[in-house]
Amino acid sequence: MSLQEQARESMAKERQHDEHLHESMLNRAHEEVDHHVEGETNEQARELTAKERQHEHHLQESMLERSTEQIEHS
């Protein structure tokens, strides 16, 4: 297997892992929102969603940086 193929495979595995983490975080966020006590506002749910999006964006940037570094060092 060539280095380029190995890099692609590594990127695909990392992407799958990041997607799994993202799904897990979304599920936890949804559970947390579902279990909020009475009187909680929609603002708190929006804040959780915004934080989740920021985290997802950070994960994607990290994955892209690692993939780029891996390809550059190949």
N, C-alpha and C. Protein backbone atom coordinates (compact mmCIF):
# COMPACT_ATOMS: atom_id res chain seq x y z
N MET A 1 0.85 -1.17 0.00
CA MET A 1 0.00 0.00 0.00
C MET A 1 0.90 1.24 0.00
N SER A 2 0.62 2.16 -0.88
CA SER A 2 1.45 3.36 -0.99
C SER A 2 1.19 4.28 0.20
N LEU A 3 2.09 5.21 0.39
CA LEU A 3 1.94 6.18 1.48
C LEU A 3 0.67 7.00 1.31
N GLN A 4 0.37 7.33 0.06
CA GLN A 4 -0.83 8.13 -0.21
C GLN A 4 -2.08 7.33 0.17
N GLU A 5 -2.10 6.05 -0.16
CA GLU A 5 -3.23 5.21 0.21
C GLU A 5 -3.34 5.08 1.72
N GLN A 6 -2.19 4.95 2.38
CA GLN A 6 -2.19 4.85 3.83
C GLN A 6 -2.72 6.15 4.45
N ALA A 7 -2.33 7.27 3.89
CA ALA A 7 -2.80 8.56 4.40
C ALA A 7 -4.31 8.67 4.21
N ARG A 8 -4.79 8.27 3.05
CA ARG A 8 -6.25 8.31 2.79
C ARG A 8 -7.00 7.41 3.77
N GLU A 9 -6.47 6.21 3.99
CA GLU A 9 -7.10 5.27 4.90
C GLU A 9 -7.10 5.84 6.32
N SER A 10 -5.99 6.41 6.70
CA SER A 10 -5.88 7.01 8.03
C SER A 10 -6.87 8.17 8.19
N MET A 11 -6.98 8.99 7.17
CA MET A 11 -7.92 10.11 7.20
C MET A 11 -9.36 9.60 7.31
N ALA A 12 -9.67 8.54 6.56
CA ALA A 12 -11.02 7.98 6.59
C ALA A 12 -11.34 7.43 7.98
N LYS A 13 -10.38 6.71 8.58
CA LYS A 13 -10.59 6.18 9.92
C LYS A 13 -10.76 7.30 10.93
N GLU A 14 -9.95 8.33 10.79
CA GLU A 14 -10.04 9.46 11.72
C GLU A 14 -11.38 10.18 11.55
N ARG A 15 -11.82 10.33 10.31
CA ARG A 15 -13.10 10.97 10.05
C ARG A 15 -14.23 10.15 10.67
N GLN A 16 -14.19 8.83 10.53
CA GLN A 16 -15.21 7.97 11.12
C GLN A 16 -15.21 8.11 12.64
N HIS A 17 -14.01 8.15 13.21
CA HIS A 17 -13.90 8.31 14.65
C HIS A 17 -14.48 9.65 15.09
N ASP A 18 -14.14 10.71 14.38
CA ASP A 18 -14.66 12.04 14.71
C ASP A 18 -16.17 12.09 14.55
N GLU A 19 -16.70 11.42 13.52
CA GLU A 19 -18.15 11.38 13.33
C GLU A 19 -18.83 10.64 14.49
N HIS A 20 -18.19 9.55 14.93
CA HIS A 20 -18.73 8.80 16.07
C HIS A 20 -18.73 9.68 17.32
N LEU A 21 -17.63 10.39 17.56
CA LEU A 21 -17.56 11.30 18.70
C LEU A 21 -18.64 12.37 18.61
N HIS A 22 -18.80 12.91 17.42
CA HIS A 22 -19.81 13.94 17.20
C HIS A 22 -21.21 13.40 17.52
N GLU A 23 -21.52 12.22 17.02
CA GLU A 23 -22.82 11.62 17.28
C GLU A 23 -23.02 11.39 18.77
N SER A 24 -21.98 10.92 19.44
CA SER A 24 -22.07 10.69 20.89
C SER A 24 -22.32 11.99 21.63
N MET A 25 -21.62 13.04 21.23
CA MET A 25 -21.80 14.33 21.88
C MET A 25 -23.20 14.88 21.62
N LEU A 26 -23.69 14.72 20.40
CA LEU A 26 -25.04 15.17 20.10
C LEU A 26 -26.07 14.41 20.93
N ASN A 27 -25.88 13.11 21.04
CA ASN A 27 -26.81 12.30 21.83
C ASN A 27 -26.80 12.75 23.29
N ARG A 28 -25.61 13.00 23.83
CA ARG A 28 -25.52 13.47 25.21
C ARG A 28 -26.17 14.84 25.36
N ALA A 29 -25.94 15.71 24.38
CA ALA A 29 -26.53 17.05 24.44
C ALA A 29 -28.06 16.95 24.39
N HIS A 30 -28.56 16.09 23.51
CA HIS A 30 -30.01 15.90 23.42
C HIS A 30 -30.57 15.34 24.73
N GLU A 31 -29.87 14.37 25.31
CA GLU A 31 -30.32 13.81 26.58
C GLU A 31 -30.33 14.88 27.66
N GLU A 32 -29.29 15.69 27.67
CA GLU A 32 -29.20 16.75 28.66
C GLU A 32 -30.35 17.74 28.50
N VAL A 33 -30.63 18.10 27.25
CA VAL A 33 -31.73 19.03 26.99
C VAL A 33 -33.05 18.38 27.40
N ASP A 34 -33.22 17.11 27.09
CA ASP A 34 -34.47 16.41 27.42
C ASP A 34 -34.70 16.31 28.92
N HIS A 35 -33.62 16.31 29.70
CA HIS A 35 -33.74 16.13 31.15
C HIS A 35 -33.66 17.45 31.93
N HIS A 36 -33.68 18.55 31.25
CA HIS A 36 -33.66 19.82 31.97
C HIS A 36 -34.90 19.94 32.82
N VAL A 37 -34.71 20.53 33.96
CA VAL A 37 -35.86 20.72 34.85
C VAL A 37 -36.78 21.79 34.29
N GLU A 38 -38.02 21.76 34.78
CA GLU A 38 -39.02 22.72 34.34
C GLU A 38 -38.51 24.14 34.60
N GLY A 39 -38.82 25.03 33.71
CA GLY A 39 -38.40 26.42 33.88
C GLY A 39 -37.13 26.77 33.12
N GLU A 40 -36.44 25.75 32.56
CA GLU A 40 -35.24 26.04 31.76
C GLU A 40 -35.68 26.74 30.48
N THR A 41 -34.86 27.63 29.99
CA THR A 41 -35.25 28.39 28.80
C THR A 41 -34.66 27.78 27.53
N ASN A 42 -35.23 28.19 26.43
CA ASN A 42 -34.72 27.76 25.13
C ASN A 42 -33.33 28.33 24.89
N GLU A 43 -33.00 29.41 25.54
CA GLU A 43 -31.67 30.02 25.38
C GLU A 43 -30.57 29.04 25.79
N GLN A 44 -30.79 28.30 26.85
CA GLN A 44 -29.79 27.34 27.29
C GLN A 44 -29.61 26.23 26.25
N ALA A 45 -30.69 25.80 25.64
CA ALA A 45 -30.60 24.78 24.59
C ALA A 45 -29.85 25.33 23.39
N ARG A 46 -30.11 26.59 23.05
CA ARG A 46 -29.38 27.20 21.93
C ARG A 46 -27.89 27.31 22.24
N GLU A 47 -27.56 27.63 23.49
CA GLU A 47 -26.15 27.73 23.88
C GLU A 47 -25.47 26.37 23.77
N LEU A 48 -26.16 25.31 24.20
CA LEU A 48 -25.59 23.97 24.06
C LEU A 48 -25.36 23.62 22.60
N THR A 49 -26.30 23.96 21.75
CA THR A 49 -26.18 23.69 20.32
C THR A 49 -25.02 24.48 19.74
N ALA A 50 -24.88 25.73 20.13
CA ALA A 50 -23.79 26.56 19.63
C ALA A 50 -22.44 26.00 20.06
N LYS A 51 -22.36 25.56 21.32
CA LYS A 51 -21.11 24.96 21.81
C LYS A 51 -20.80 23.69 21.05
N GLU A 52 -21.82 22.90 20.77
CA GLU A 52 -21.63 21.66 20.02
C GLU A 52 -21.11 21.96 18.61
N ARG A 53 -21.68 22.97 17.99
CA ARG A 53 -21.22 23.35 16.64
C ARG A 53 -19.78 23.83 16.68
N GLN A 54 -19.43 24.61 17.69
CA GLN A 54 -18.06 25.08 17.82
C GLN A 54 -17.11 23.90 18.00
N HIS A 55 -17.53 22.94 18.82
CA HIS A 55 -16.68 21.77 19.05
C HIS A 55 -16.53 20.96 17.77
N GLU A 56 -17.63 20.78 17.04
CA GLU A 56 -17.58 20.06 15.77
C GLU A 56 -16.63 20.75 14.80
N HIS A 57 -16.72 22.06 14.73
CA HIS A 57 -15.85 22.83 13.84
C HIS A 57 -14.39 22.64 14.25
N HIS A 58 -14.13 22.67 15.54
CA HIS A 58 -12.77 22.47 16.03
C HIS A 58 -12.26 21.08 15.67
N LEU A 59 -13.12 20.06 15.82
CA LEU A 59 -12.72 18.69 15.46
C LEU A 59 -12.38 18.60 13.97
N GLN A 60 -13.20 19.23 13.14
CA GLN A 60 -12.96 19.19 11.70
C GLN A 60 -11.65 19.91 11.35
N GLU A 61 -11.39 21.05 11.99
CA GLU A 61 -10.15 21.76 11.74
C GLU A 61 -8.95 20.92 12.17
N SER A 62 -9.06 20.29 13.32
CA SER A 62 -7.97 19.44 13.83
C SER A 62 -7.71 18.28 12.88
N MET A 63 -8.79 17.66 12.40
CA MET A 63 -8.65 16.53 11.49
C MET A 63 -7.97 16.98 10.20
N LEU A 64 -8.37 18.14 9.69
CA LEU A 64 -7.78 18.66 8.46
C LEU A 64 -6.30 18.97 8.66
N GLU A 65 -5.96 19.58 9.79
CA GLU A 65 -4.55 19.90 10.07
C GLU A 65 -3.72 18.62 10.17
N ARG A 66 -4.22 17.62 10.90
CA ARG A 66 -3.47 16.37 11.04
C ARG A 66 -3.32 15.68 9.70
N SER A 67 -4.36 15.68 8.90
CA SER A 67 -4.30 15.04 7.59
C SER A 67 -3.31 15.75 6.69
N THR A 68 -3.34 17.08 6.71
CA THR A 68 -2.41 17.86 5.90
C THR A 68 -0.97 17.59 6.33
N GLU A 69 -0.73 17.57 7.63
CA GLU A 69 0.62 17.28 8.14
C GLU A 69 1.06 15.89 7.72
N GLN A 70 0.13 14.93 7.80
CA GLN A 70 0.47 13.55 7.45
C GLN A 70 0.83 13.46 5.97
N ILE A 71 0.09 14.14 5.13
CA ILE A 71 0.37 14.10 3.69
C ILE A 71 1.67 14.82 3.39
N GLU A 72 1.93 15.94 4.06
CA GLU A 72 3.16 16.70 3.82
C GLU A 72 4.39 15.92 4.25
N HIS A 73 4.26 15.10 5.27
CA HIS A 73 5.39 14.33 5.75
C HIS A 73 5.54 12.99 5.04
N SER A 74 4.65 12.72 4.10
CA SER A 74 4.72 11.44 3.37
C SER A 74 5.76 11.50 2.30
